Amino acid sequence: MLRTSENGKNLIKEFEGLRLEAYKCSSGRWTIGYGHTGGVREGDYITKATAEYFFDNDIKEFENAVNRLVSVPLTQNQFDALVSFCFNNGYEDEGFGGSTMRKLLNSGDYAGAAGQFERWVYSGGKVSAGLKRRRILERDLFLKKD
């Protein structure tokens, strides 16, 4: 069972950013730390140590999902890219779980799966520059030889 490398964790943290005060993310959910949403309420504050604790626990959920949903061998870079993608988009049917990316990947079409990253760049019906940048880096990581 694969686990996210430090490189993969740093990629996620870079894009999620660290916020010690609760805020509403673009999807309208209360968020804190590095993209943590579980039990967060308006007015919540945390320490950096708590943010790290939340992140370490949250990432396990996404690692487990990628390990469960992908039926073909993955390199460390491919795994890291997919965990980052799922951390941002979810792994349920409306996220990675029901995606063309997953279907292509599980059929062995790695290049086709890599081509799907850039389809996930919309926020509120508009292309997000931040999401576009994240998807390009995730795709490049996915294609990078270990």
N, C-alpha and C. Protein backbone atom coordinates (compact mmCIF):
# COMPACT_ATOMS: atom_id res chain seq x y z
N MET A 1 0.85 -1.18 0.00
CA MET A 1 0.00 0.00 0.00
C MET A 1 0.89 1.24 0.00
N LEU A 2 0.67 2.10 -0.99
CA LEU A 2 1.49 3.31 -1.11
C LEU A 2 1.06 4.39 -0.12
N ARG A 3 2.02 5.22 0.25
CA ARG A 3 1.78 6.40 1.09
C ARG A 3 2.39 7.60 0.38
N THR A 4 1.88 8.77 0.65
CA THR A 4 2.33 9.98 0.00
C THR A 4 3.75 10.34 0.46
N SER A 5 4.59 10.68 -0.51
CA SER A 5 5.97 11.09 -0.20
C SER A 5 5.96 12.52 0.34
N GLU A 6 7.09 12.95 0.88
CA GLU A 6 7.22 14.33 1.35
C GLU A 6 7.00 15.31 0.21
N ASN A 7 7.49 14.96 -0.98
CA ASN A 7 7.28 15.79 -2.17
C ASN A 7 5.79 15.96 -2.45
N GLY A 8 5.04 14.88 -2.38
CA GLY A 8 3.60 14.93 -2.61
C GLY A 8 2.88 15.75 -1.54
N LYS A 9 3.28 15.56 -0.30
CA LYS A 9 2.68 16.33 0.80
C LYS A 9 2.96 17.82 0.63
N ASN A 10 4.19 18.15 0.23
CA ASN A 10 4.53 19.56 0.03
C ASN A 10 3.74 20.19 -1.10
N LEU A 11 3.48 19.42 -2.16
CA LEU A 11 2.66 19.92 -3.27
C LEU A 11 1.25 20.27 -2.77
N ILE A 12 0.66 19.37 -2.02
CA ILE A 12 -0.69 19.60 -1.49
C ILE A 12 -0.69 20.83 -0.58
N LYS A 13 0.26 20.89 0.33
CA LYS A 13 0.32 22.02 1.27
C LYS A 13 0.52 23.34 0.55
N GLU A 14 1.33 23.34 -0.50
CA GLU A 14 1.57 24.56 -1.27
C GLU A 14 0.27 25.11 -1.84
N PHE A 15 -0.53 24.23 -2.40
CA PHE A 15 -1.76 24.69 -3.04
C PHE A 15 -2.90 24.93 -2.04
N GLU A 16 -2.96 24.15 -1.00
CA GLU A 16 -4.01 24.35 0.00
C GLU A 16 -3.73 25.60 0.83
N GLY A 17 -2.46 25.87 1.09
CA GLY A 17 -2.10 27.00 1.93
C GLY A 17 -2.44 26.69 3.39
N LEU A 18 -1.82 27.43 4.27
CA LEU A 18 -2.07 27.24 5.71
C LEU A 18 -2.87 28.42 6.22
N ARG A 19 -4.06 28.13 6.74
CA ARG A 19 -4.91 29.17 7.33
C ARG A 19 -5.29 28.71 8.74
N LEU A 20 -4.92 29.51 9.73
CA LEU A 20 -5.17 29.14 11.12
C LEU A 20 -6.51 29.63 11.63
N GLU A 21 -7.22 30.39 10.82
CA GLU A 21 -8.57 30.85 11.14
C GLU A 21 -9.53 30.29 10.10
N ALA A 22 -10.69 29.83 10.55
CA ALA A 22 -11.67 29.24 9.63
C ALA A 22 -12.09 30.24 8.56
N TYR A 23 -12.28 29.72 7.36
CA TYR A 23 -12.73 30.54 6.22
C TYR A 23 -13.62 29.67 5.34
N LYS A 24 -14.41 30.31 4.51
CA LYS A 24 -15.24 29.58 3.56
C LYS A 24 -14.47 29.42 2.26
N CYS A 25 -14.30 28.18 1.84
CA CYS A 25 -13.59 27.91 0.60
C CYS A 25 -14.52 28.20 -0.59
N SER A 26 -14.02 28.02 -1.80
CA SER A 26 -14.79 28.36 -3.00
C SER A 26 -16.06 27.52 -3.13
N SER A 27 -16.10 26.36 -2.47
CA SER A 27 -17.31 25.54 -2.52
C SER A 27 -18.27 25.86 -1.37
N GLY A 28 -17.91 26.87 -0.57
CA GLY A 28 -18.79 27.31 0.51
C GLY A 28 -18.67 26.55 1.81
N ARG A 29 -17.66 25.69 1.93
CA ARG A 29 -17.47 24.90 3.15
C ARG A 29 -16.48 25.60 4.08
N TRP A 30 -16.75 25.55 5.38
CA TRP A 30 -15.83 26.09 6.35
C TRP A 30 -14.58 25.22 6.35
N THR A 31 -13.43 25.87 6.28
CA THR A 31 -12.15 25.20 6.10
C THR A 31 -11.12 25.85 7.02
N ILE A 32 -10.13 25.06 7.42
CA ILE A 32 -9.06 25.57 8.29
C ILE A 32 -7.81 24.72 8.05
N GLY A 33 -6.67 25.23 8.47
CA GLY A 33 -5.42 24.48 8.31
C GLY A 33 -5.04 24.36 6.85
N TYR A 34 -4.68 23.14 6.45
CA TYR A 34 -4.35 22.83 5.06
C TYR A 34 -5.55 22.17 4.40
N GLY A 35 -6.64 22.90 4.23
CA GLY A 35 -7.80 22.35 3.55
C GLY A 35 -8.66 21.42 4.37
N HIS A 36 -8.55 21.46 5.69
CA HIS A 36 -9.34 20.58 6.57
C HIS A 36 -10.76 21.13 6.70
N THR A 37 -11.76 20.27 6.52
CA THR A 37 -13.16 20.71 6.59
C THR A 37 -13.98 20.01 7.67
N GLY A 38 -13.50 18.93 8.22
CA GLY A 38 -14.28 18.16 9.19
C GLY A 38 -14.54 18.90 10.48
N GLY A 39 -15.81 19.19 10.77
CA GLY A 39 -16.19 19.81 12.03
C GLY A 39 -15.81 21.28 12.18
N VAL A 40 -15.40 21.93 11.10
CA VAL A 40 -14.96 23.32 11.18
C VAL A 40 -16.18 24.25 11.21
N ARG A 41 -16.10 25.24 12.09
CA ARG A 41 -17.19 26.22 12.23
C ARG A 41 -16.63 27.63 12.10
N GLU A 42 -17.48 28.53 11.75
CA GLU A 42 -17.11 29.93 11.68
C GLU A 42 -16.52 30.36 13.02
N GLY A 43 -15.42 31.12 12.97
CA GLY A 43 -14.78 31.62 14.18
C GLY A 43 -13.74 30.69 14.78
N ASP A 44 -13.58 29.48 14.22
CA ASP A 44 -12.58 28.55 14.75
C ASP A 44 -11.16 29.06 14.47
N TYR A 45 -10.27 28.81 15.43
CA TYR A 45 -8.84 29.10 15.31
C TYR A 45 -8.09 27.85 15.72
N ILE A 46 -6.94 27.60 15.09
CA ILE A 46 -6.09 26.47 15.47
C ILE A 46 -4.63 26.92 15.47
N THR A 47 -3.77 26.07 16.01
CA THR A 47 -2.33 26.31 15.96
C THR A 47 -1.75 25.60 14.73
N LYS A 48 -0.50 25.92 14.40
CA LYS A 48 0.16 25.23 13.29
C LYS A 48 0.29 23.74 13.61
N ALA A 49 0.56 23.41 14.86
CA ALA A 49 0.67 22.00 15.26
C ALA A 49 -0.65 21.26 15.03
N THR A 50 -1.75 21.91 15.32
CA THR A 50 -3.06 21.30 15.08
C THR A 50 -3.31 21.14 13.58
N ALA A 51 -2.91 22.13 12.81
CA ALA A 51 -3.04 22.05 11.35
C ALA A 51 -2.27 20.85 10.81
N GLU A 52 -1.06 20.63 11.32
CA GLU A 52 -0.24 19.49 10.90
C GLU A 52 -0.92 18.16 11.30
N TYR A 53 -1.48 18.13 12.49
CA TYR A 53 -2.20 16.94 12.96
C TYR A 53 -3.39 16.63 12.05
N PHE A 54 -4.19 17.66 11.76
CA PHE A 54 -5.34 17.48 10.86
C PHE A 54 -4.87 16.97 9.50
N PHE A 55 -3.80 17.60 8.97
CA PHE A 55 -3.30 17.21 7.64
C PHE A 55 -2.86 15.76 7.63
N ASP A 56 -2.10 15.35 8.63
CA ASP A 56 -1.61 13.96 8.70
C ASP A 56 -2.78 12.98 8.73
N ASN A 57 -3.85 13.31 9.43
CA ASN A 57 -5.02 12.43 9.48
C ASN A 57 -5.83 12.50 8.19
N ASP A 58 -6.00 13.71 7.65
CA ASP A 58 -6.79 13.86 6.43
C ASP A 58 -6.15 13.13 5.26
N ILE A 59 -4.84 13.24 5.12
CA ILE A 59 -4.18 12.66 3.94
C ILE A 59 -4.34 11.14 3.92
N LYS A 60 -4.41 10.52 5.07
CA LYS A 60 -4.59 9.06 5.13
C LYS A 60 -5.89 8.63 4.43
N GLU A 61 -6.93 9.43 4.60
CA GLU A 61 -8.22 9.12 3.95
C GLU A 61 -8.06 9.10 2.43
N PHE A 62 -7.32 10.07 1.90
CA PHE A 62 -7.15 10.17 0.45
C PHE A 62 -6.18 9.12 -0.08
N GLU A 63 -5.16 8.79 0.70
CA GLU A 63 -4.26 7.70 0.32
C GLU A 63 -5.04 6.39 0.25
N ASN A 64 -5.85 6.13 1.25
CA ASN A 64 -6.64 4.89 1.27
C ASN A 64 -7.58 4.83 0.08
N ALA A 65 -8.18 5.97 -0.27
CA ALA A 65 -9.10 6.00 -1.41
C ALA A 65 -8.37 5.69 -2.71
N VAL A 66 -7.22 6.32 -2.93
CA VAL A 66 -6.47 6.06 -4.17
C VAL A 66 -6.03 4.59 -4.21
N ASN A 67 -5.53 4.07 -3.11
CA ASN A 67 -5.14 2.67 -3.07
C ASN A 67 -6.32 1.74 -3.37
N ARG A 68 -7.49 2.10 -2.92
CA ARG A 68 -8.69 1.27 -3.13
C ARG A 68 -9.26 1.41 -4.54
N LEU A 69 -9.24 2.62 -5.09
CA LEU A 69 -9.92 2.90 -6.36
C LEU A 69 -9.07 2.61 -7.60
N VAL A 70 -7.77 2.49 -7.43
CA VAL A 70 -6.89 2.25 -8.58
C VAL A 70 -6.48 0.79 -8.58
N SER A 71 -6.68 0.14 -9.73
CA SER A 71 -6.41 -1.30 -9.82
C SER A 71 -5.16 -1.62 -10.65
N VAL A 72 -4.43 -0.60 -11.08
CA VAL A 72 -3.21 -0.82 -11.85
C VAL A 72 -2.01 -0.34 -11.02
N PRO A 73 -0.81 -0.83 -11.33
CA PRO A 73 0.37 -0.37 -10.58
C PRO A 73 0.62 1.12 -10.79
N LEU A 74 1.06 1.79 -9.72
CA LEU A 74 1.39 3.21 -9.77
C LEU A 74 2.82 3.43 -9.30
N THR A 75 3.47 4.41 -9.92
CA THR A 75 4.76 4.86 -9.40
C THR A 75 4.48 5.78 -8.21
N GLN A 76 5.50 6.11 -7.45
CA GLN A 76 5.33 7.04 -6.33
C GLN A 76 4.82 8.39 -6.83
N ASN A 77 5.36 8.87 -7.94
CA ASN A 77 4.92 10.17 -8.48
C ASN A 77 3.47 10.13 -8.93
N GLN A 78 3.06 9.06 -9.57
CA GLN A 78 1.66 8.93 -9.99
C GLN A 78 0.74 8.92 -8.77
N PHE A 79 1.12 8.17 -7.76
CA PHE A 79 0.32 8.11 -6.54
C PHE A 79 0.21 9.48 -5.90
N ASP A 80 1.34 10.18 -5.77
CA ASP A 80 1.33 11.52 -5.16
C ASP A 80 0.42 12.47 -5.92
N ALA A 81 0.49 12.43 -7.25
CA ALA A 81 -0.34 13.31 -8.08
C ALA A 81 -1.82 13.01 -7.86
N LEU A 82 -2.17 11.73 -7.77
CA LEU A 82 -3.57 11.35 -7.58
C LEU A 82 -4.07 11.71 -6.18
N VAL A 83 -3.24 11.57 -5.18
CA VAL A 83 -3.65 11.95 -3.83
C VAL A 83 -3.89 13.46 -3.78
N SER A 84 -3.02 14.24 -4.40
CA SER A 84 -3.22 15.69 -4.46
C SER A 84 -4.53 16.02 -5.16
N PHE A 85 -4.77 15.36 -6.28
CA PHE A 85 -6.01 15.57 -7.03
C PHE A 85 -7.24 15.25 -6.17
N CYS A 86 -7.22 14.12 -5.50
CA CYS A 86 -8.35 13.71 -4.66
C CYS A 86 -8.51 14.62 -3.45
N PHE A 87 -7.41 15.07 -2.87
CA PHE A 87 -7.46 15.97 -1.73
C PHE A 87 -8.24 17.23 -2.10
N ASN A 88 -8.10 17.66 -3.34
CA ASN A 88 -8.75 18.88 -3.82
C ASN A 88 -10.15 18.63 -4.36
N ASN A 89 -10.37 17.50 -5.01
CA ASN A 89 -11.64 17.23 -5.71
C ASN A 89 -12.53 16.18 -5.06
N GLY A 90 -11.99 15.45 -4.12
CA GLY A 90 -12.74 14.35 -3.53
C GLY A 90 -12.54 13.07 -4.31
N TYR A 91 -12.94 11.98 -3.70
CA TYR A 91 -12.78 10.67 -4.34
C TYR A 91 -14.12 9.96 -4.53
N GLU A 92 -15.20 10.63 -4.21
CA GLU A 92 -16.51 10.04 -4.37
C GLU A 92 -16.83 9.94 -5.86
N ASP A 93 -18.07 9.49 -6.16
CA ASP A 93 -18.47 9.33 -7.56
C ASP A 93 -18.41 10.63 -8.34
N GLU A 94 -18.67 11.77 -7.71
CA GLU A 94 -18.62 13.04 -8.42
C GLU A 94 -17.19 13.58 -8.52
N GLY A 95 -16.27 12.94 -7.86
CA GLY A 95 -14.85 13.30 -7.93
C GLY A 95 -14.09 12.22 -8.69
N PHE A 96 -12.95 11.84 -8.16
CA PHE A 96 -12.09 10.86 -8.82
C PHE A 96 -12.80 9.52 -9.05
N GLY A 97 -13.59 9.08 -8.08
CA GLY A 97 -14.22 7.76 -8.16
C GLY A 97 -15.06 7.54 -9.40
N GLY A 98 -15.76 8.56 -9.86
CA GLY A 98 -16.62 8.43 -11.04
C GLY A 98 -16.03 9.07 -12.28
N SER A 99 -14.76 9.41 -12.23
CA SER A 99 -14.15 10.18 -13.33
C SER A 99 -13.68 9.32 -14.50
N THR A 100 -13.62 9.97 -15.65
CA THR A 100 -13.01 9.36 -16.83
C THR A 100 -11.54 9.08 -16.55
N MET A 101 -10.90 9.95 -15.78
CA MET A 101 -9.50 9.75 -15.42
C MET A 101 -9.30 8.38 -14.79
N ARG A 102 -10.14 8.05 -13.83
CA ARG A 102 -10.02 6.76 -13.13
C ARG A 102 -10.30 5.61 -14.10
N LYS A 103 -11.32 5.75 -14.93
CA LYS A 103 -11.67 4.68 -15.88
C LYS A 103 -10.51 4.42 -16.85
N LEU A 104 -9.92 5.50 -17.38
CA LEU A 104 -8.80 5.35 -18.30
C LEU A 104 -7.61 4.71 -17.59
N LEU A 105 -7.31 5.20 -16.40
CA LEU A 105 -6.18 4.68 -15.65
C LEU A 105 -6.35 3.19 -15.38
N ASN A 106 -7.50 2.80 -14.89
CA ASN A 106 -7.73 1.39 -14.55
C ASN A 106 -7.79 0.49 -15.79
N SER A 107 -7.95 1.08 -16.96
CA SER A 107 -7.89 0.29 -18.20
C SER A 107 -6.45 0.19 -18.71
N GLY A 108 -5.51 0.85 -17.99
CA GLY A 108 -4.11 0.82 -18.38
C GLY A 108 -3.68 1.96 -19.28
N ASP A 109 -4.58 2.90 -19.53
CA ASP A 109 -4.26 4.05 -20.38
C ASP A 109 -3.73 5.19 -19.51
N TYR A 110 -2.47 5.09 -19.14
CA TYR A 110 -1.84 6.08 -18.26
C TYR A 110 -1.78 7.46 -18.92
N ALA A 111 -1.43 7.49 -20.21
CA ALA A 111 -1.35 8.77 -20.93
C ALA A 111 -2.72 9.42 -21.04
N GLY A 112 -3.72 8.62 -21.30
CA GLY A 112 -5.09 9.15 -21.37
C GLY A 112 -5.54 9.70 -20.02
N ALA A 113 -5.20 8.99 -18.97
CA ALA A 113 -5.54 9.46 -17.62
C ALA A 113 -4.84 10.78 -17.33
N ALA A 114 -3.56 10.89 -17.69
CA ALA A 114 -2.80 12.12 -17.47
C ALA A 114 -3.45 13.29 -18.21
N GLY A 115 -4.02 13.03 -19.36
CA GLY A 115 -4.68 14.08 -20.14
C GLY A 115 -5.95 14.60 -19.51
N GLN A 116 -6.45 13.92 -18.50
CA GLN A 116 -7.69 14.33 -17.84
C GLN A 116 -7.49 15.39 -16.76
N PHE A 117 -6.29 15.53 -16.24
CA PHE A 117 -6.06 16.48 -15.15
C PHE A 117 -6.58 17.87 -15.49
N GLU A 118 -6.26 18.33 -16.70
CA GLU A 118 -6.59 19.71 -17.06
C GLU A 118 -8.07 19.95 -17.33
N ARG A 119 -8.88 18.92 -17.26
CA ARG A 119 -10.33 19.11 -17.38
C ARG A 119 -10.94 19.60 -16.06
N TRP A 120 -10.20 19.48 -14.97
CA TRP A 120 -10.68 19.78 -13.63
C TRP A 120 -10.15 21.12 -13.15
N VAL A 121 -10.44 22.18 -13.89
CA VAL A 121 -9.89 23.51 -13.59
C VAL A 121 -10.98 24.55 -13.30
N TYR A 122 -12.21 24.09 -13.14
CA TYR A 122 -13.33 25.03 -12.97
C TYR A 122 -13.73 25.21 -11.52
N SER A 123 -14.03 26.43 -11.18
CA SER A 123 -14.58 26.78 -9.87
C SER A 123 -15.67 27.80 -10.11
N GLY A 124 -16.89 27.48 -9.69
CA GLY A 124 -18.01 28.38 -9.93
C GLY A 124 -18.31 28.57 -11.40
N GLY A 125 -18.04 27.54 -12.22
CA GLY A 125 -18.33 27.60 -13.65
C GLY A 125 -17.28 28.33 -14.48
N LYS A 126 -16.23 28.80 -13.84
CA LYS A 126 -15.18 29.55 -14.55
C LYS A 126 -13.83 28.88 -14.33
N VAL A 127 -12.95 29.02 -15.32
CA VAL A 127 -11.60 28.49 -15.18
C VAL A 127 -10.88 29.26 -14.08
N SER A 128 -10.32 28.52 -13.15
CA SER A 128 -9.55 29.10 -12.06
C SER A 128 -8.06 29.01 -12.40
N ALA A 129 -7.36 30.13 -12.37
CA ALA A 129 -5.93 30.13 -12.66
C ALA A 129 -5.17 29.25 -11.67
N GLY A 130 -5.56 29.30 -10.40
CA GLY A 130 -4.91 28.47 -9.39
C GLY A 130 -5.12 26.99 -9.63
N LEU A 131 -6.35 26.61 -9.99
CA LEU A 131 -6.63 25.19 -10.28
C LEU A 131 -5.90 24.75 -11.54
N LYS A 132 -5.83 25.63 -12.53
CA LYS A 132 -5.13 25.29 -13.77
C LYS A 132 -3.65 25.02 -13.47
N ARG A 133 -3.05 25.89 -12.66
CA ARG A 133 -1.65 25.70 -12.28
C ARG A 133 -1.46 24.40 -11.51
N ARG A 134 -2.37 24.13 -10.58
CA ARG A 134 -2.28 22.90 -9.78
C ARG A 134 -2.39 21.67 -10.68
N ARG A 135 -3.35 21.67 -11.58
CA ARG A 135 -3.55 20.50 -12.45
C ARG A 135 -2.34 20.26 -13.36
N ILE A 136 -1.72 21.33 -13.85
CA ILE A 136 -0.54 21.16 -14.70
C ILE A 136 0.58 20.52 -13.89
N LEU A 137 0.78 20.97 -12.66
CA LEU A 137 1.84 20.39 -11.81
C LEU A 137 1.51 18.94 -11.44
N GLU A 138 0.23 18.66 -11.16
CA GLU A 138 -0.16 17.28 -10.86
C GLU A 138 0.06 16.38 -12.08
N ARG A 139 -0.33 16.86 -13.24
CA ARG A 139 -0.14 16.07 -14.48
C ARG A 139 1.34 15.82 -14.73
N ASP A 140 2.15 16.88 -14.59
CA ASP A 140 3.59 16.75 -14.83
C ASP A 140 4.20 15.76 -13.84
N LEU A 141 3.76 15.81 -12.59
CA LEU A 141 4.25 14.86 -11.58
C LEU A 141 3.81 13.45 -11.95
N PHE A 142 2.58 13.29 -12.38
CA PHE A 142 2.05 11.99 -12.77
C PHE A 142 2.89 11.38 -13.91
N LEU A 143 3.33 12.21 -14.83
CA LEU A 143 4.09 11.74 -16.00
C LEU A 143 5.59 11.61 -15.73
N LYS A 144 6.06 12.18 -14.63
CA LYS A 144 7.49 12.19 -14.32
C LYS A 144 7.96 10.79 -13.94
N LYS A 145 9.07 10.40 -14.52
CA LYS A 145 9.65 9.09 -14.19
C LYS A 145 10.29 9.17 -12.80
N ASP A 146 10.06 8.15 -12.01
CA ASP A 146 10.64 8.12 -10.65
C ASP A 146 12.15 7.98 -10.72
